[in-house]
């Protein structure tokens, strides 16, 4: 009997580690989506933000974040023990949760792309992964007050996605739109430079989502894991179809970027209830997610004039709210559509409100403090030049072969290295 239990424990751990690896790979997806949906002159900056986010987030979550999230609860608000994993032996569980923390923070990256100063962004990442996100996680997954209330979020529609999206909304609002985005009542489209990169990112994220949701079972459960992964597949697919159809009817064409985001909105929408709803329920959740995401992007862009280059606020925020509420409707045990009344919906609303208020206040406060010491965004000249050259001294793409006869730039990073090498050459 002991040997069977040992084998089962090993299999469960392998499954959770596979999930962690897939979630980690999602950062490649975020990097590609953000890169493709923005201009080429900011590519290196976006790649560095994503790389540094997962690196800072992992280390900081190890030092303090995991303890705040999963340590013994104080008044149901925050954990207080286990800093740097002292006294903890569940290293595998820490790894799985660490990649989630970095995922939450990187949602902000796309919404503030092309104009936020890298140093200011990284300071916000520190606040998000070290404190803001872990507190939300403790409330829901760490035995906090929302857990006691009966709040349901299986894999993170609200804990991860809504938290990140609210942070993105506050940051985008405080920093302001990109230069040239708005002039009076006119909204100017600033197209991304590579839809193929954006599409690659979406497929990578979709793949990673099977680990995101499936790994959240924390065990290789032969009944639960297939249901979770099937729901994830169907919700994402349904959202693609509804987004494509909705844009065709509304704009007379199937919009490529919106349809790509449709897949992500369906995946965000099913994340909270992927273990609680039926296959038909997952399809319904996805169908609705695609439509509300499309309308939400238009609302934030045109009505509120919140400049979000990649649609992160709508995909992760509105999609996260819908997915969290959908549990109260489609939960096959106690959902309102299954005769359970609207009590779960009420509890879900309380949780959503608490997460929105907490995140808005703490992110806003963090950015206010950061702004006391440094600016949140780059200068107009740097923004026009592009953050690649302004903040990193290089460009993502070499255009000399395309623009024949174009003079080389003697002040770029590669040229400076070449000149440095010539100055120390031994004869």
Protein backbone atom coordinates (compact mmCIF):
# COMPACT_ATOMS: atom_id res chain seq x y z
CA UNK A 1 0.00 0.00 0.00
CA UNK A 2 2.83 2.39 0.83
CA UNK A 3 4.51 1.80 -2.53
CA UNK A 4 1.25 2.60 -4.37
CA UNK A 5 0.90 5.83 -2.44
CA UNK A 6 4.51 6.74 -3.21
CA UNK A 7 4.00 6.16 -6.92
CA UNK A 8 0.80 8.22 -6.89
CA UNK A 9 2.59 11.03 -5.08
CA UNK A 10 5.37 11.00 -7.67
CA UNK A 11 2.92 11.04 -10.55
CA UNK A 12 1.02 13.93 -8.97
CA UNK A 13 4.24 15.90 -8.55
CA UNK A 14 5.33 15.25 -12.13
CA UNK A 15 1.95 16.44 -13.38
CA UNK A 16 2.16 19.64 -11.31
CA UNK A 17 5.71 20.31 -12.55
CA UNK A 18 4.59 19.80 -16.14
CA UNK A 19 1.89 22.37 -15.47
CA UNK A 20 4.46 24.78 -14.02
CA UNK A 21 6.68 24.40 -17.08
CA UNK A 22 3.75 25.10 -19.40
CA UNK A 23 2.76 28.18 -17.40
CA UNK A 24 6.36 29.40 -17.53
CA UNK A 25 6.31 28.97 -21.30
CA UNK A 26 3.29 31.28 -21.40
CA UNK A 27 5.72 34.16 -20.88
CA UNK A 28 7.01 33.52 -24.37
CA UNK A 29 3.41 33.86 -25.52
CA UNK A 30 2.91 37.15 -23.68
CA UNK A 31 6.16 38.45 -25.18
CA UNK A 32 5.09 37.55 -28.71
CA UNK A 33 1.57 38.95 -28.36
CA UNK A 34 2.82 42.25 -26.96
CA UNK A 35 5.61 42.47 -29.53
CA UNK A 36 3.36 41.70 -32.48
CA UNK A 37 0.58 44.07 -31.43
CA UNK A 38 2.93 47.05 -30.99
CA UNK A 39 5.41 48.90 -33.19
CA UNK A 40 8.77 47.44 -34.12
CA UNK A 41 10.71 50.30 -32.51
CA UNK A 42 9.67 49.03 -29.05
CA UNK A 43 10.31 45.31 -29.51
CA UNK A 44 13.50 44.95 -27.45
CA UNK A 45 11.94 46.94 -24.62
CA UNK A 46 8.92 44.64 -24.49
CA UNK A 47 11.10 41.53 -24.57
CA UNK A 48 13.21 42.88 -21.69
CA UNK A 49 10.12 43.72 -19.65
CA UNK A 50 8.79 40.18 -19.99
CA UNK A 51 12.16 38.57 -19.27
CA UNK A 52 12.80 40.75 -16.22
CA UNK A 53 9.23 40.31 -14.96
CA UNK A 54 9.47 36.54 -14.66
CA UNK A 55 12.97 36.79 -13.15
CA UNK A 56 12.15 39.43 -10.55
CA UNK A 57 8.82 37.81 -9.81
CA UNK A 58 10.31 34.37 -9.19
CA UNK A 59 12.97 35.59 -6.76
CA UNK A 60 10.73 38.01 -4.91
CA UNK A 61 7.91 35.50 -4.64
CA UNK A 62 10.41 33.09 -3.09
CA UNK A 63 11.58 35.66 -0.54
CA UNK A 64 8.25 37.11 0.60
CA UNK A 65 5.34 36.48 -1.80
CA UNK A 66 4.79 32.79 -1.10
CA UNK A 67 4.71 33.41 2.65
CA UNK A 68 2.20 36.24 2.30
CA UNK A 69 0.03 34.00 0.13
CA UNK A 70 0.22 30.59 1.81
CA UNK A 71 1.54 31.22 5.30
CA UNK A 72 -0.69 30.83 8.38
CA UNK A 73 -3.48 33.38 8.08
CA UNK A 74 -3.75 36.51 10.18
CA UNK A 75 -7.40 37.58 10.41
CA UNK A 76 -7.96 35.99 7.00
CA UNK A 77 -6.03 38.81 5.34
CA UNK A 78 -2.40 37.76 4.89
CA UNK A 79 0.06 34.95 5.57
CA UNK A 80 2.80 35.55 8.11
CA UNK A 81 5.26 32.62 7.97
CA UNK A 82 7.39 30.75 5.45
CA UNK A 83 9.57 33.56 4.14
CA UNK A 84 12.28 32.21 1.80
CA UNK A 85 10.48 28.85 2.28
CA UNK A 86 11.82 28.51 5.83
CA UNK A 87 10.00 25.63 7.46
CA UNK A 88 8.35 24.65 4.18
CA UNK A 89 9.04 21.45 2.26
CA UNK A 90 6.54 21.88 -0.58
CA UNK A 91 9.05 23.23 -3.10
CA UNK A 92 7.08 21.87 -6.05
CA UNK A 93 3.97 23.74 -4.96
CA UNK A 94 6.07 26.90 -4.61
CA UNK A 95 7.38 26.56 -8.19
CA UNK A 96 3.87 26.17 -9.56
CA UNK A 97 2.63 29.23 -7.68
CA UNK A 98 5.70 31.34 -8.54
CA UNK A 99 5.05 31.16 -12.28
CA UNK A 100 1.46 32.23 -11.62
CA UNK A 101 2.66 35.32 -9.75
CA UNK A 102 4.84 36.39 -12.66
CA UNK A 103 1.94 35.82 -15.06
CA UNK A 104 -0.25 38.22 -13.09
CA UNK A 105 2.37 40.97 -13.20
CA UNK A 106 3.18 40.66 -16.89
CA UNK A 107 -0.43 41.44 -17.84
CA UNK A 108 0.40 45.07 -17.03
CA UNK A 109 3.28 45.10 -19.51
CA UNK A 110 1.13 45.07 -22.63
CA UNK A 111 -1.27 47.78 -21.46
CA UNK A 112 1.54 50.28 -20.77
CA UNK A 113 3.66 49.31 -23.77
CA UNK A 114 5.50 51.91 -25.84
CA UNK A 115 5.56 54.70 -23.25
CA UNK A 116 6.26 53.50 -19.67
CA UNK A 117 9.78 53.86 -18.36
CA UNK A 118 11.38 50.46 -17.77
CA UNK A 119 12.65 51.27 -14.28
CA UNK A 120 9.21 52.47 -13.15
CA UNK A 121 7.57 49.37 -14.60
CA UNK A 122 9.99 47.09 -12.76
CA UNK A 123 9.28 48.87 -9.47
CA UNK A 124 5.60 48.15 -10.04
CA UNK A 125 6.44 44.49 -10.74
CA UNK A 126 8.13 44.36 -7.35
CA UNK A 127 4.99 45.66 -5.66
CA UNK A 128 2.74 43.29 -7.60
CA UNK A 129 4.66 40.04 -7.10
CA UNK A 130 5.91 40.79 -3.61
CA UNK A 131 2.72 42.01 -1.99
CA UNK A 132 -0.36 43.01 -4.03
CA UNK A 133 -0.96 39.69 -5.81
CA UNK A 134 0.00 37.45 -2.85
CA UNK A 135 -2.58 39.16 -0.64
CA UNK A 136 -5.33 38.48 -3.19
CA UNK A 137 -4.10 34.91 -3.52
CA UNK A 138 -4.22 34.46 0.24
CA UNK A 139 -7.82 35.62 0.37
CA UNK A 140 -8.91 33.02 -2.19
CA UNK A 141 -6.39 30.14 -2.19
CA UNK A 142 -4.51 30.57 1.07
CA UNK A 143 -7.36 30.08 3.53
CA UNK A 144 -8.31 33.75 3.74
CA UNK A 145 -11.65 35.43 4.22
CA UNK A 146 -12.94 34.83 0.68
CA UNK A 147 -12.17 31.14 1.07
CA UNK A 148 -14.27 31.07 4.21
CA UNK A 149 -17.05 32.94 2.42
CA UNK A 150 -17.26 30.27 -0.28
CA UNK A 151 -15.75 32.21 -3.17
CA UNK A 152 -14.87 29.97 -6.15
CA UNK A 153 -11.95 30.55 -8.51
CA UNK A 154 -10.38 27.24 -9.46
CA UNK A 155 -7.41 28.48 -11.50
CA UNK A 156 -7.40 32.27 -11.41
CA UNK A 157 -9.92 34.22 -13.52
CA UNK A 158 -10.02 36.75 -10.71
CA UNK A 159 -6.93 35.99 -8.62
CA UNK A 160 -4.50 36.17 -11.53
CA UNK A 161 -6.26 37.78 -14.49
CA UNK A 162 -8.55 40.33 -12.88
CA UNK A 163 -5.81 41.42 -10.48
CA UNK A 164 -3.37 41.93 -13.33
CA UNK A 165 -5.98 43.71 -15.46
CA UNK A 166 -6.99 46.17 -12.75
CA UNK A 167 -3.32 46.96 -12.27
CA UNK A 168 -3.05 47.46 -16.03
CA UNK A 169 -6.09 49.76 -16.09
CA UNK A 170 -4.82 51.97 -13.28
CA UNK A 171 -1.33 52.15 -14.78
CA UNK A 172 -2.55 52.93 -18.31
CA UNK A 173 -4.86 55.63 -16.95
CA UNK A 174 -2.19 57.28 -14.78
CA UNK A 175 0.47 57.18 -17.50
CA UNK A 176 -1.80 58.37 -20.29
CA UNK A 177 -2.11 57.37 -23.94
CA UNK A 178 0.64 57.06 -26.52
CA UNK A 179 1.52 60.14 -28.51
CA UNK A 180 -0.81 60.50 -31.47
CA UNK A 181 -3.43 58.07 -30.18
CA UNK A 182 -6.11 60.69 -29.62
CA UNK A 183 -6.74 64.14 -31.09
CA UNK A 184 -9.95 65.69 -29.85
CA UNK A 185 -12.74 63.19 -30.41
CA UNK A 186 -10.76 61.30 -33.04
CA UNK A 187 -9.25 57.94 -32.13
CA UNK A 188 -6.27 57.01 -34.28
CA UNK A 189 -5.40 53.37 -34.87
CA UNK A 190 -1.75 52.58 -34.16
CA UNK A 191 -1.32 49.17 -35.81
CA UNK A 192 1.06 46.55 -34.52
CA UNK A 193 3.98 45.60 -36.72
CA UNK A 194 3.52 41.81 -36.87
CA UNK A 195 0.22 39.98 -36.62
CA UNK A 196 2.07 36.66 -37.25
CA UNK A 197 4.06 37.20 -34.04
CA UNK A 198 0.84 38.02 -32.22
CA UNK A 199 -0.77 34.84 -33.55
CA UNK A 200 2.23 32.77 -32.49
CA UNK A 201 1.90 34.27 -29.02
CA UNK A 202 -1.78 33.35 -28.82
CA UNK A 203 -1.09 29.73 -29.76
CA UNK A 204 1.73 29.56 -27.18
CA UNK A 205 -0.56 31.00 -24.52
CA UNK A 206 -3.32 28.54 -25.45
CA UNK A 207 -0.88 25.66 -25.09
CA UNK A 208 0.33 27.01 -21.75
CA UNK A 209 -3.25 27.36 -20.56
CA UNK A 210 -3.64 23.59 -20.51
CA UNK A 211 -0.97 23.63 -17.80
CA UNK A 212 -2.42 26.75 -16.19
CA UNK A 213 -5.83 25.15 -15.67
CA UNK A 214 -4.93 21.47 -15.80
CA UNK A 215 -2.02 21.81 -13.41
CA UNK A 216 -4.27 23.61 -10.92
CA UNK A 217 -5.78 20.24 -10.06
CA UNK A 218 -2.45 19.74 -8.20
CA UNK A 219 -2.83 16.01 -8.85
CA UNK A 220 -3.03 13.64 -11.81
CA UNK A 221 -6.73 13.00 -11.25
CA UNK A 222 -7.94 10.72 -14.06
CA UNK A 223 -11.46 12.16 -13.96
CA UNK A 224 -10.88 15.84 -13.19
CA UNK A 225 -7.88 16.59 -15.44
CA UNK A 226 -9.57 15.56 -18.73
CA UNK A 227 -12.65 17.64 -17.84
CA UNK A 228 -10.53 20.70 -17.05
CA UNK A 229 -8.51 20.45 -20.26
CA UNK A 230 -11.59 19.74 -22.40
CA UNK A 231 -13.36 22.78 -20.93
CA UNK A 232 -10.27 24.89 -21.59
CA UNK A 233 -10.13 23.77 -25.22
CA UNK A 234 -13.84 24.27 -25.88
CA UNK A 235 -14.14 27.68 -24.22
CA UNK A 236 -11.18 29.08 -26.15
CA UNK A 237 -12.49 27.67 -29.42
CA UNK A 238 -16.02 28.97 -28.82
CA UNK A 239 -14.71 32.46 -28.07
CA UNK A 240 -12.75 32.49 -31.34
CA UNK A 241 -15.92 31.62 -33.25
CA UNK A 242 -18.11 34.19 -31.50
CA UNK A 243 -15.49 36.94 -31.92
CA UNK A 244 -15.06 36.18 -35.60
CA UNK A 245 -18.82 36.17 -36.18
CA UNK A 246 -19.41 39.29 -34.09
CA UNK A 247 -16.74 41.32 -35.88
CA UNK A 248 -18.06 40.13 -39.24
CA UNK A 249 -21.56 41.31 -38.37
CA UNK A 250 -20.46 44.55 -36.70
CA UNK A 251 -17.56 45.62 -38.93
CA UNK A 252 -18.37 43.64 -42.13
CA UNK A 253 -15.02 41.84 -41.85
CA UNK A 254 -13.48 39.26 -39.53
CA UNK A 255 -10.96 41.29 -37.55
CA UNK A 256 -7.68 39.43 -37.11
CA UNK A 257 -6.36 41.01 -33.91
CA UNK A 258 -9.73 40.93 -32.17
CA UNK A 259 -10.26 37.28 -33.10
CA UNK A 260 -6.84 36.39 -31.72
CA UNK A 261 -7.76 38.16 -28.50
CA UNK A 262 -11.05 36.27 -28.59
CA UNK A 263 -9.21 33.03 -27.93
CA UNK A 264 -7.57 34.55 -24.86
CA UNK A 265 -10.86 35.97 -23.57
CA UNK A 266 -12.45 32.53 -23.71
CA UNK A 267 -9.50 31.01 -21.90
CA UNK A 268 -9.63 33.67 -19.20
CA UNK A 269 -13.39 33.18 -18.91
CA UNK A 270 -13.21 29.44 -18.29
CA UNK A 271 -10.31 29.59 -15.85
CA UNK A 272 -12.42 30.15 -12.73
CA UNK A 273 -14.91 27.37 -13.41
CA UNK A 274 -12.99 24.88 -15.54
CA UNK A 275 -13.45 22.17 -12.89
CA UNK A 276 -17.02 23.11 -12.03
CA UNK A 277 -18.92 23.40 -15.31
CA UNK A 278 -20.05 21.01 -18.03
CA UNK A 279 -18.67 20.90 -21.56
CA UNK A 280 -21.73 22.73 -22.88
CA UNK A 281 -21.33 25.25 -20.08
CA UNK A 282 -17.73 25.86 -21.16
CA UNK A 283 -18.81 26.47 -24.75
CA UNK A 284 -21.47 28.95 -23.59
CA UNK A 285 -18.98 30.77 -21.38
CA UNK A 286 -16.57 31.05 -24.30
CA UNK A 287 -19.22 32.27 -26.74
CA UNK A 288 -20.24 35.08 -24.41
CA UNK A 289 -16.63 35.95 -23.53
CA UNK A 290 -15.71 36.65 -27.15
CA UNK A 291 -18.57 39.11 -27.64
CA UNK A 292 -18.14 41.06 -24.41
CA UNK A 293 -14.39 41.29 -24.95
CA UNK A 294 -14.90 42.82 -28.40
CA UNK A 295 -17.33 45.43 -27.11
CA UNK A 296 -15.17 46.12 -24.07
CA UNK A 297 -12.10 46.94 -26.18
CA UNK A 298 -14.16 49.46 -28.12
CA UNK A 299 -15.58 50.94 -24.90
CA UNK A 300 -12.19 51.48 -23.26
CA UNK A 301 -10.57 52.73 -26.46
CA UNK A 302 -13.30 55.03 -27.79
CA UNK A 303 -15.43 56.01 -24.81
CA UNK A 304 -12.97 56.09 -21.92
CA UNK A 305 -9.90 56.80 -24.07
CA UNK A 306 -7.76 54.35 -22.13
CA UNK A 307 -4.92 53.39 -24.48
CA UNK A 308 -4.29 49.65 -24.21
CA UNK A 309 -2.21 48.51 -27.19
CA UNK A 310 -2.87 44.78 -26.71
CA UNK A 311 -6.37 44.78 -25.19
CA UNK A 312 -5.12 43.35 -21.89
CA UNK A 313 -7.68 45.20 -19.76
CA UNK A 314 -10.61 43.76 -21.67
CA UNK A 315 -9.20 40.27 -22.19
CA UNK A 316 -8.05 39.70 -18.63
CA UNK A 317 -10.27 42.12 -16.72
CA UNK A 318 -13.69 41.92 -18.34
CA UNK A 319 -13.02 38.28 -19.25
CA UNK A 320 -11.98 37.61 -15.67
CA UNK A 321 -15.10 39.22 -14.23
CA UNK A 322 -17.33 37.28 -16.60
CA UNK A 323 -15.58 33.99 -15.86
CA UNK A 324 -15.85 34.52 -12.11
CA UNK A 325 -19.56 35.33 -12.33
CA UNK A 326 -20.16 32.45 -14.73
CA UNK A 327 -19.24 29.96 -12.01
CA UNK A 328 -22.30 31.10 -10.07
CA UNK A 329 -24.47 30.40 -13.10
CA UNK A 330 -22.96 27.25 -14.62
CA UNK A 331 -21.61 25.36 -11.59
CA UNK A 332 -23.14 21.91 -12.05
CA UNK A 333 -23.63 21.42 -8.32
CA UNK A 334 -24.98 24.70 -6.95
CA UNK A 335 -25.13 27.09 -9.91
CA UNK A 336 -28.19 29.24 -10.51
CA UNK A 337 -28.94 27.45 -13.80
CA UNK A 338 -28.88 24.12 -11.98
CA UNK A 339 -31.37 25.07 -9.28
CA UNK A 340 -28.89 26.37 -6.72
CA UNK A 341 -30.18 29.94 -6.60
CA UNK A 342 -28.08 33.07 -6.88
CA UNK A 343 -26.20 32.81 -3.60
CA UNK A 344 -22.94 31.84 -5.34
CA UNK A 345 -23.34 34.76 -7.75
CA UNK A 346 -23.62 37.11 -4.78
CA UNK A 347 -20.49 35.69 -3.18
CA UNK A 348 -18.64 35.97 -6.50
CA UNK A 349 -19.66 39.61 -6.79
CA UNK A 350 -18.32 40.34 -3.31
CA UNK A 351 -14.99 38.74 -4.25
CA UNK A 352 -14.77 40.65 -7.53
CA UNK A 353 -15.47 43.97 -5.79
CA UNK A 354 -12.88 43.29 -3.09
CA UNK A 355 -10.18 42.37 -5.62
CA UNK A 356 -10.91 45.41 -7.79
CA UNK A 357 -10.83 47.85 -4.87
CA UNK A 358 -7.71 46.33 -3.30
CA UNK A 359 -5.75 46.21 -6.53
CA UNK A 360 -6.81 49.68 -7.70
CA UNK A 361 -5.84 51.28 -4.40
CA UNK A 362 -2.52 49.48 -3.98
CA UNK A 363 -1.40 49.83 -7.60
CA UNK A 364 -2.47 53.47 -7.66
CA UNK A 365 -0.64 54.08 -4.38
CA UNK A 366 2.48 52.31 -5.63
CA UNK A 367 2.56 54.37 -8.82
CA UNK A 368 2.01 57.57 -6.83
CA UNK A 369 5.02 56.77 -4.65
CA UNK A 370 7.13 55.83 -7.67
CA UNK A 371 6.18 59.12 -9.33
CA UNK A 372 7.54 61.04 -6.34
CA UNK A 373 11.04 59.81 -7.20
CA UNK A 374 10.98 59.37 -10.96
CA UNK A 375 8.71 59.81 -13.96
CA UNK A 376 6.37 57.01 -14.96
CA UNK A 377 6.81 57.47 -18.69
CA UNK A 378 9.64 58.28 -21.04
CA UNK A 379 10.08 61.71 -22.62
CA UNK A 380 8.29 62.66 -25.83
CA UNK A 381 11.55 62.50 -27.73
CA UNK A 382 12.30 59.01 -26.44
CA UNK A 383 8.79 57.81 -27.24
CA UNK A 384 9.04 59.11 -30.80
CA UNK A 385 12.47 57.53 -31.20
CA UNK A 386 11.30 54.23 -29.79
CA UNK A 387 12.10 52.64 -26.45
CA UNK A 388 14.47 50.11 -28.00
CA UNK A 389 17.07 52.71 -28.81
CA UNK A 390 16.18 55.13 -25.99
CA UNK A 391 16.42 52.57 -23.17
CA UNK A 392 18.59 49.80 -24.62
CA UNK A 393 20.76 51.44 -27.27
CA UNK A 394 19.81 48.96 -29.95
CA UNK A 395 17.03 47.91 -32.33
CA UNK A 396 15.26 44.58 -32.73
CA UNK A 397 15.49 44.50 -36.50
CA UNK A 398 18.38 45.38 -38.82
CA UNK A 399 16.95 47.26 -41.79
CA UNK A 400 20.13 48.04 -43.75
CA UNK A 401 19.54 45.12 -46.12
CA UNK A 402 16.01 46.32 -46.81
CA UNK A 403 16.75 50.02 -47.07
CA UNK A 404 19.62 49.81 -49.50
CA UNK A 405 21.96 52.70 -49.34
CA UNK A 406 20.75 53.77 -45.90
CA UNK A 407 23.68 55.04 -43.85
CA UNK A 408 24.69 53.05 -40.80
CA UNK A 409 24.19 54.64 -37.39
CA UNK A 410 27.53 55.28 -35.78
CA UNK A 411 25.98 55.80 -32.36
CA UNK A 412 24.05 52.53 -32.02
CA UNK A 413 25.08 49.89 -29.51
CA UNK A 414 26.69 47.55 -32.04
CA UNK A 415 28.76 50.37 -33.55
CA UNK A 416 29.96 51.46 -30.11
CA UNK A 417 31.09 47.92 -29.34
CA UNK A 418 32.90 47.76 -32.68
CA UNK A 419 34.70 51.02 -32.01
CA UNK A 420 35.61 49.83 -28.51
CA UNK A 421 37.10 46.67 -30.00
CA UNK A 422 39.17 48.67 -32.48
CA UNK A 423 40.53 50.89 -29.73
CA UNK A 424 41.98 47.92 -27.83
CA UNK A 425 43.12 45.87 -30.80
CA UNK A 426 46.63 44.46 -30.35
CA UNK A 427 48.94 44.94 -33.34
